Structures are given as structure tokens and as C-alpha cells.
């Protein structure tokens, strides 16, 4: 407590009053008049106040920037969650009430199977570059080919219902069913 009291007294009394006589002599401040010392003390106090105020403002700005960044990140997460909640899968989009005799027309899907591809076997799952996942529908279908990269595929409706996955470069096809889209 004594140290704190001395610091408060030194701050009130001014910078030059807190110096020892040897420090005053070493710095040449002993040659100043009392009015000059008082003005020096006022300038030092003003400088300290401005420095502390600038540091406080910088800290407050940093806190505000951090809070703004956190709020922005939270808003972005909420927007992504809202977007995902509103995004329906392929079958959910395709469900409609149909009167018998109504013509249904599906759009052809063109995409690629990213990465290495060497064919398929029963229940093989094909993850497409567009985010969809299709699975071989028949458990006795298989096809093997030398490894290829980023194979192009086309999904077309089958005339008896369901879908075919065509491999134009392989001149082959396999019956598939859509799995839930990857999230």
C-alpha cells in the first residue's frame, strides 16, 4: 500500500518531483526554473494520458472487431443451416400428385465420378461431382475396366421406371437408384 501511495503522490506531484537529486542533476533538469519543471510535468502527464487513451481505444476497437467477426461467423453459419434446411433432395423435389395418364418428363443429369474409376459391382455407390450419390440397383450387375480418371456419366430415366447411368466413353450402362445427397 505504501508503494501505491507513493505512486499516487508522485503522479499528483509530477514527474520531476519523483526524481532523486542525482537523477535531476544527471538529466540537467536541476537547471530548470520551477515554472519550467511544472510545464514539463504537465507535458509528460498529457503524453501519458494520450498514450493510455490511445491504447484503450485500440483495445476497444480490437474487441469490437472480434465481436463483429464472431457475429458475422454466427450469421454465416445460420445462413448455411437455413440453406441446408430448405434444400430438398432429388426425390423430395420430384414428389408430386399425378393423375393417371399424365406424361412425366425427367431432365437428364450430366456429371462426373471424381477420382479413379475401375467399374462397379453389386451395390456399388457412385458419388458424383454434383453432390448426388447413386447406387447400382441390381445385385448381379458388374463391370470392370482399366482405371480411368473423372469418368463422365449421364443419368436418364428408364422406360419401365427407375434410372440408367450411362458411361458414354465406355459405351456401357447400369441400372441405378438415387441415394440421399451428401451433406
C-alpha atoms as a PDB file:
ATOM      1  CA  UNK A   1       0.000   0.000   0.000  1.00  0.00           C
ATOM      2  CA  UNK A   2       2.878   2.292   0.745  1.00  0.00           C
ATOM      3  CA  UNK A   3       4.232   1.818  -2.795  1.00  0.00           C
ATOM      4  CA  UNK A   4       0.799   2.625  -4.257  1.00  0.00           C
ATOM      5  CA  UNK A   5       0.521   5.747  -2.100  1.00  0.00           C
ATOM      6  CA  UNK A   6       3.966   6.904  -3.231  1.00  0.00           C
ATOM      7  CA  UNK A   7       2.987   6.350  -6.889  1.00  0.00           C
ATOM      8  CA  UNK A   8      -0.225   8.348  -6.473  1.00  0.00           C
ATOM      9  CA  UNK A   9       1.710  11.137  -4.730  1.00  0.00           C
ATOM     10  CA  UNK A  10       4.356  11.082  -7.496  1.00  0.00           C
ATOM     11  CA  UNK A  11       1.677  11.282 -10.195  1.00  0.00           C
ATOM     12  CA  UNK A  12      -0.007  14.188  -8.408  1.00  0.00           C
ATOM     13  CA  UNK A  13       3.274  15.934  -7.662  1.00  0.00           C
ATOM     14  CA  UNK A  14       4.559  15.483 -11.230  1.00  0.00           C
ATOM     15  CA  UNK A  15       7.306  13.572 -12.908  1.00  0.00           C
ATOM     16  CA  UNK A  16      10.195  15.821 -11.898  1.00  0.00           C
ATOM     17  CA  UNK A  17       9.216  15.654  -8.204  1.00  0.00           C
ATOM     18  CA  UNK A  18       9.592  11.874  -8.286  1.00  0.00           C
ATOM     19  CA  UNK A  19      13.238  12.058  -9.396  1.00  0.00           C
ATOM     20  CA  UNK A  20      16.135  11.941  -6.989  1.00  0.00           C
ATOM     21  CA  UNK A  21      18.522  14.870  -6.836  1.00  0.00           C
ATOM     22  CA  UNK A  22      21.218  12.812  -8.574  1.00  0.00           C
ATOM     23  CA  UNK A  23      18.771  11.987 -11.427  1.00  0.00           C
ATOM     24  CA  UNK A  24      17.804  15.662 -11.682  1.00  0.00           C
ATOM     25  CA  UNK A  25      21.469  16.630 -11.906  1.00  0.00           C
ATOM     26  CA  UNK A  26      22.292  13.794 -14.403  1.00  0.00           C
ATOM     27  CA  UNK A  27      19.489  14.861 -16.756  1.00  0.00           C
ATOM     28  CA  UNK A  28      20.075  18.585 -16.420  1.00  0.00           C
ATOM     29  CA  UNK A  29      16.575  19.154 -15.022  1.00  0.00           C
ATOM     30  CA  UNK A  30      18.060  20.773 -11.900  1.00  0.00           C
ATOM     31  CA  UNK A  31      18.785  23.856 -14.051  1.00  0.00           C
ATOM     32  CA  UNK A  32      15.083  24.411 -14.902  1.00  0.00           C
ATOM     33  CA  UNK A  33      13.049  27.022 -13.068  1.00  0.00           C
ATOM     34  CA  UNK A  34      10.067  25.765 -11.025  1.00  0.00           C
ATOM     35  CA  UNK A  35       7.714  27.065 -13.761  1.00  0.00           C
ATOM     36  CA  UNK A  36       9.664  25.175 -16.439  1.00  0.00           C
ATOM     37  CA  UNK A  37       9.578  21.979 -14.338  1.00  0.00           C
ATOM     38  CA  UNK A  38       5.836  22.389 -13.819  1.00  0.00           C
ATOM     39  CA  UNK A  39       5.320  22.799 -17.585  1.00  0.00           C
ATOM     40  CA  UNK A  40       7.483  19.701 -18.241  1.00  0.00           C
ATOM     41  CA  UNK A  41       5.404  17.739 -15.704  1.00  0.00           C
ATOM     42  CA  UNK A  42       2.196  18.898 -17.441  1.00  0.00           C
ATOM     43  CA  UNK A  43       3.523  17.818 -20.848  1.00  0.00           C
ATOM     44  CA  UNK A  44       4.536  14.392 -19.506  1.00  0.00           C
ATOM     45  CA  UNK A  45       1.133  13.932 -17.822  1.00  0.00           C
ATOM     46  CA  UNK A  46      -0.628  14.912 -21.077  1.00  0.00           C
ATOM     47  CA  UNK A  47       1.542  12.492 -23.041  1.00  0.00           C
ATOM     48  CA  UNK A  48       0.790   9.671 -20.586  1.00  0.00           C
ATOM     49  CA  UNK A  49      -2.934  10.414 -20.723  1.00  0.00           C
ATOM     50  CA  UNK A  50      -2.944  10.462 -24.547  1.00  0.00           C
ATOM     51  CA  UNK A  51      -0.937   7.235 -24.710  1.00  0.00           C
ATOM     52  CA  UNK A  52      -3.275   5.456 -22.293  1.00  0.00           C
ATOM     53  CA  UNK A  53      -6.324   6.791 -24.152  1.00  0.00           C
ATOM     54  CA  UNK A  54      -4.907   5.597 -27.498  1.00  0.00           C
ATOM     55  CA  UNK A  55      -4.161   2.146 -26.042  1.00  0.00           C
ATOM     56  CA  UNK A  56      -7.675   1.940 -24.603  1.00  0.00           C
ATOM     57  CA  UNK A  57      -9.165   2.932 -27.969  1.00  0.00           C
ATOM     58  CA  UNK A  58      -7.052   0.341 -29.779  1.00  0.00           C
ATOM     59  CA  UNK A  59      -8.144  -2.331 -27.305  1.00  0.00           C
ATOM     60  CA  UNK A  60     -11.801  -1.292 -27.621  1.00  0.00           C
ATOM     61  CA  UNK A  61     -11.529  -1.359 -31.435  1.00  0.00           C
ATOM     62  CA  UNK A  62      -9.968  -4.838 -31.298  1.00  0.00           C
ATOM     63  CA  UNK A  63     -12.760  -6.113 -29.036  1.00  0.00           C
ATOM     64  CA  UNK A  64     -15.400  -4.565 -31.318  1.00  0.00           C
ATOM     65  CA  UNK A  65     -13.752  -6.107 -34.407  1.00  0.00           C
ATOM     66  CA  UNK A  66     -13.630  -9.527 -32.724  1.00  0.00           C
ATOM     67  CA  UNK A  67     -17.305  -9.260 -31.732  1.00  0.00           C
ATOM     68  CA  UNK A  68     -18.240  -8.188 -35.267  1.00  0.00           C
ATOM     69  CA  UNK A  69     -16.290 -11.134 -36.744  1.00  0.00           C
ATOM     70  CA  UNK A  70     -17.971 -13.547 -34.320  1.00  0.00           C
ATOM     71  CA  UNK A  71     -21.397 -12.122 -35.188  1.00  0.00           C
ATOM     72  CA  UNK A  72     -20.624 -12.404 -38.900  1.00  0.00           C
ATOM     73  CA  UNK A  73     -19.462 -16.014 -38.485  1.00  0.00           C
ATOM     74  CA  UNK A  74     -22.597 -16.838 -36.485  1.00  0.00           C
ATOM     75  CA  UNK A  75     -24.784 -15.244 -39.176  1.00  0.00           C
ATOM     76  CA  UNK A  76     -22.962 -17.182 -41.904  1.00  0.00           C
ATOM     77  CA  UNK A  77     -23.459 -20.462 -40.004  1.00  0.00           C
ATOM     78  CA  UNK A  78     -27.143 -19.668 -39.551  1.00  0.00           C
ATOM     79  CA  UNK A  79     -27.462 -18.888 -43.268  1.00  0.00           C
ATOM     80  CA  UNK A  80     -25.782 -22.193 -44.195  1.00  0.00           C
ATOM     81  CA  UNK A  81     -28.040 -24.098 -41.782  1.00  0.00           C
ATOM     82  CA  UNK A  82     -31.119 -22.337 -43.191  1.00  0.00           C
ATOM     83  CA  UNK A  83     -29.950 -23.077 -46.727  1.00  0.00           C
ATOM     84  CA  UNK A  84     -29.424 -26.764 -45.906  1.00  0.00           C
ATOM     85  CA  UNK A  85     -32.805 -26.967 -44.188  1.00  0.00           C
ATOM     86  CA  UNK A  86     -34.507 -25.507 -47.260  1.00  0.00           C
ATOM     87  CA  UNK A  87     -32.554 -27.710 -49.667  1.00  0.00           C
ATOM     88  CA  UNK A  88     -34.520 -30.796 -50.571  1.00  0.00           C
ATOM     89  CA  UNK A  89     -33.096 -33.938 -52.084  1.00  0.00           C
ATOM     90  CA  UNK A  90     -33.862 -35.198 -55.573  1.00  0.00           C
ATOM     91  CA  UNK A  91     -36.826 -37.383 -54.567  1.00  0.00           C
ATOM     92  CA  UNK A  92     -38.336 -34.701 -52.328  1.00  0.00           C
ATOM     93  CA  UNK A  93     -38.301 -32.326 -55.285  1.00  0.00           C
ATOM     94  CA  UNK A  94     -39.774 -34.991 -57.590  1.00  0.00           C
ATOM     95  CA  UNK A  95     -42.747 -35.904 -55.366  1.00  0.00           C
ATOM     96  CA  UNK A  96     -45.926 -34.553 -56.906  1.00  0.00           C
ATOM     97  CA  UNK A  97     -49.565 -35.600 -57.184  1.00  0.00           C
ATOM     98  CA  UNK A  98     -50.071 -37.151 -60.613  1.00  0.00           C
ATOM     99  CA  UNK A  99     -53.299 -38.014 -62.336  1.00  0.00           C
ATOM    100  CA  UNK A 100     -53.175 -41.321 -64.250  1.00  0.00           C
ATOM    101  CA  UNK A 101     -52.215 -40.736 -67.858  1.00  0.00           C
ATOM    102  CA  UNK A 102     -50.063 -37.681 -67.083  1.00  0.00           C
ATOM    103  CA  UNK A 103     -46.818 -37.599 -69.038  1.00  0.00           C
ATOM    104  CA  UNK A 104     -43.730 -37.291 -66.833  1.00  0.00           C
ATOM    105  CA  UNK A 105     -40.502 -35.971 -68.246  1.00  0.00           C
ATOM    106  CA  UNK A 106     -37.224 -36.138 -66.312  1.00  0.00           C
ATOM    107  CA  UNK A 107     -34.249 -33.977 -67.133  1.00  0.00           C
ATOM    108  CA  UNK A 108     -31.039 -35.755 -67.993  1.00  0.00           C
ATOM    109  CA  UNK A 109     -28.286 -35.332 -65.411  1.00  0.00           C
ATOM    110  CA  UNK A 110     -24.709 -34.995 -66.633  1.00  0.00           C
ATOM    111  CA  UNK A 111     -21.816 -35.153 -64.189  1.00  0.00           C
ATOM    112  CA  UNK A 112     -18.574 -36.991 -63.477  1.00  0.00           C
ATOM    113  CA  UNK A 113     -17.358 -39.532 -60.976  1.00  0.00           C
ATOM    114  CA  UNK A 114     -14.382 -37.681 -59.449  1.00  0.00           C
ATOM    115  CA  UNK A 115     -11.138 -39.555 -58.959  1.00  0.00           C
ATOM    116  CA  UNK A 116     -10.236 -43.070 -60.091  1.00  0.00           C
ATOM    117  CA  UNK A 117     -12.867 -45.340 -61.578  1.00  0.00           C
ATOM    118  CA  UNK A 118     -12.434 -49.017 -62.471  1.00  0.00           C
ATOM    119  CA  UNK A 119     -16.000 -50.246 -62.824  1.00  0.00           C
ATOM    120  CA  UNK A 120     -18.734 -51.494 -60.498  1.00  0.00           C
ATOM    121  CA  UNK A 121     -20.067 -54.489 -58.699  1.00  0.00           C
ATOM    122  CA  UNK A 122     -23.293 -55.274 -56.844  1.00  0.00           C
ATOM    123  CA  UNK A 123     -24.469 -52.313 -54.735  1.00  0.00           C
ATOM    124  CA  UNK A 124     -21.569 -50.056 -55.762  1.00  0.00           C
ATOM    125  CA  UNK A 125     -22.178 -46.424 -54.783  1.00  0.00           C
ATOM    126  CA  UNK A 126     -21.188 -43.712 -57.264  1.00  0.00           C
ATOM    127  CA  UNK A 127     -20.529 -40.292 -55.651  1.00  0.00           C
ATOM    128  CA  UNK A 128     -20.923 -37.684 -58.387  1.00  0.00           C
ATOM    129  CA  UNK A 129     -19.204 -34.316 -58.675  1.00  0.00           C
ATOM    130  CA  UNK A 130     -22.610 -32.583 -58.381  1.00  0.00           C
ATOM    131  CA  UNK A 131     -23.079 -33.995 -54.838  1.00  0.00           C
ATOM    132  CA  UNK A 132     -25.537 -36.762 -55.723  1.00  0.00           C
ATOM    133  CA  UNK A 133     -24.908 -40.387 -54.796  1.00  0.00           C
ATOM    134  CA  UNK A 134     -26.266 -43.191 -56.971  1.00  0.00           C
ATOM    135  CA  UNK A 135     -26.128 -46.927 -56.236  1.00  0.00           C
ATOM    136  CA  UNK A 136     -26.216 -49.948 -58.540  1.00  0.00           C
ATOM    137  CA  UNK A 137     -29.803 -51.204 -58.301  1.00  0.00           C
ATOM    138  CA  UNK A 138     -29.294 -54.817 -59.396  1.00  0.00           C
ATOM    139  CA  UNK A 139     -27.208 -57.145 -57.244  1.00  0.00           C
ATOM    140  CA  UNK A 140     -25.925 -59.151 -60.207  1.00  0.00           C
ATOM    141  CA  UNK A 141     -24.510 -56.264 -62.266  1.00  0.00           C
ATOM    142  CA  UNK A 142     -20.752 -55.874 -62.522  1.00  0.00           C
ATOM    143  CA  UNK A 143     -18.360 -54.287 -64.975  1.00  0.00           C
ATOM    144  CA  UNK A 144     -14.606 -53.774 -64.807  1.00  0.00           C
ATOM    145  CA  UNK A 145     -12.390 -51.514 -66.869  1.00  0.00           C
ATOM    146  CA  UNK A 146      -8.822 -50.235 -66.580  1.00  0.00           C
ATOM    147  CA  UNK A 147      -8.635 -47.356 -64.128  1.00  0.00           C
ATOM    148  CA  UNK A 148      -9.761 -44.033 -65.511  1.00  0.00           C
ATOM    149  CA  UNK A 149      -9.934 -40.540 -64.013  1.00  0.00           C
ATOM    150  CA  UNK A 150     -13.073 -38.389 -63.701  1.00  0.00           C
ATOM    151  CA  UNK A 151     -15.357 -40.570 -65.806  1.00  0.00           C
ATOM    152  CA  UNK A 152     -18.314 -38.754 -67.385  1.00  0.00           C
ATOM    153  CA  UNK A 153     -21.794 -40.115 -66.644  1.00  0.00           C
ATOM    154  CA  UNK A 154     -25.354 -39.359 -67.710  1.00  0.00           C
ATOM    155  CA  UNK A 155     -28.407 -40.277 -65.642  1.00  0.00           C
ATOM    156  CA  UNK A 156     -31.501 -40.958 -67.746  1.00  0.00           C
ATOM    157  CA  UNK A 157     -34.929 -42.313 -66.852  1.00  0.00           C
ATOM    158  CA  UNK A 158     -35.602 -45.954 -67.748  1.00  0.00           C
ATOM    159  CA  UNK A 159     -38.723 -46.633 -69.820  1.00  0.00           C
ATOM    160  CA  UNK A 160     -40.044 -49.050 -67.171  1.00  0.00           C
ATOM    161  CA  UNK A 161     -39.317 -46.740 -64.227  1.00  0.00           C
ATOM    162  CA  UNK A 162     -36.077 -46.114 -62.381  1.00  0.00           C
ATOM    163  CA  UNK A 163     -32.913 -44.743 -63.892  1.00  0.00           C
ATOM    164  CA  UNK A 164     -29.945 -45.745 -66.010  1.00  0.00           C
ATOM    165  CA  UNK A 165     -26.425 -44.445 -65.536  1.00  0.00           C
ATOM    166  CA  UNK A 166     -24.732 -44.186 -68.921  1.00  0.00           C
ATOM    167  CA  UNK A 167     -20.974 -44.144 -69.367  1.00  0.00           C
ATOM    168  CA  UNK A 168     -20.521 -42.532 -72.822  1.00  0.00           C
ATOM    169  CA  UNK A 169     -16.766 -43.191 -73.033  1.00  0.00           C
ATOM    170  CA  UNK A 170     -17.229 -46.844 -72.013  1.00  0.00           C
ATOM    171  CA  UNK A 171     -20.355 -47.332 -74.125  1.00  0.00           C
ATOM    172  CA  UNK A 172     -21.962 -49.059 -71.170  1.00  0.00           C
ATOM    173  CA  UNK A 173     -24.805 -48.513 -68.713  1.00  0.00           C
ATOM    174  CA  UNK A 174     -26.060 -49.771 -65.363  1.00  0.00           C
ATOM    175  CA  UNK A 175     -29.426 -49.518 -63.594  1.00  0.00           C
ATOM    176  CA  UNK A 176     -29.135 -47.207 -60.558  1.00  0.00           C
ATOM    177  CA  UNK A 177     -31.170 -45.691 -57.762  1.00  0.00           C
ATOM    178  CA  UNK A 178     -30.604 -42.329 -56.098  1.00  0.00           C
ATOM    179  CA  UNK A 179     -29.343 -42.254 -52.530  1.00  0.00           C
ATOM    180  CA  UNK A 180     -29.645 -39.247 -50.280  1.00  0.00           C
ATOM    181  CA  UNK A 181     -27.489 -36.313 -51.378  1.00  0.00           C
ATOM    182  CA  UNK A 182     -24.233 -35.877 -49.464  1.00  0.00           C
ATOM    183  CA  UNK A 183     -24.434 -33.130 -46.852  1.00  0.00           C
END
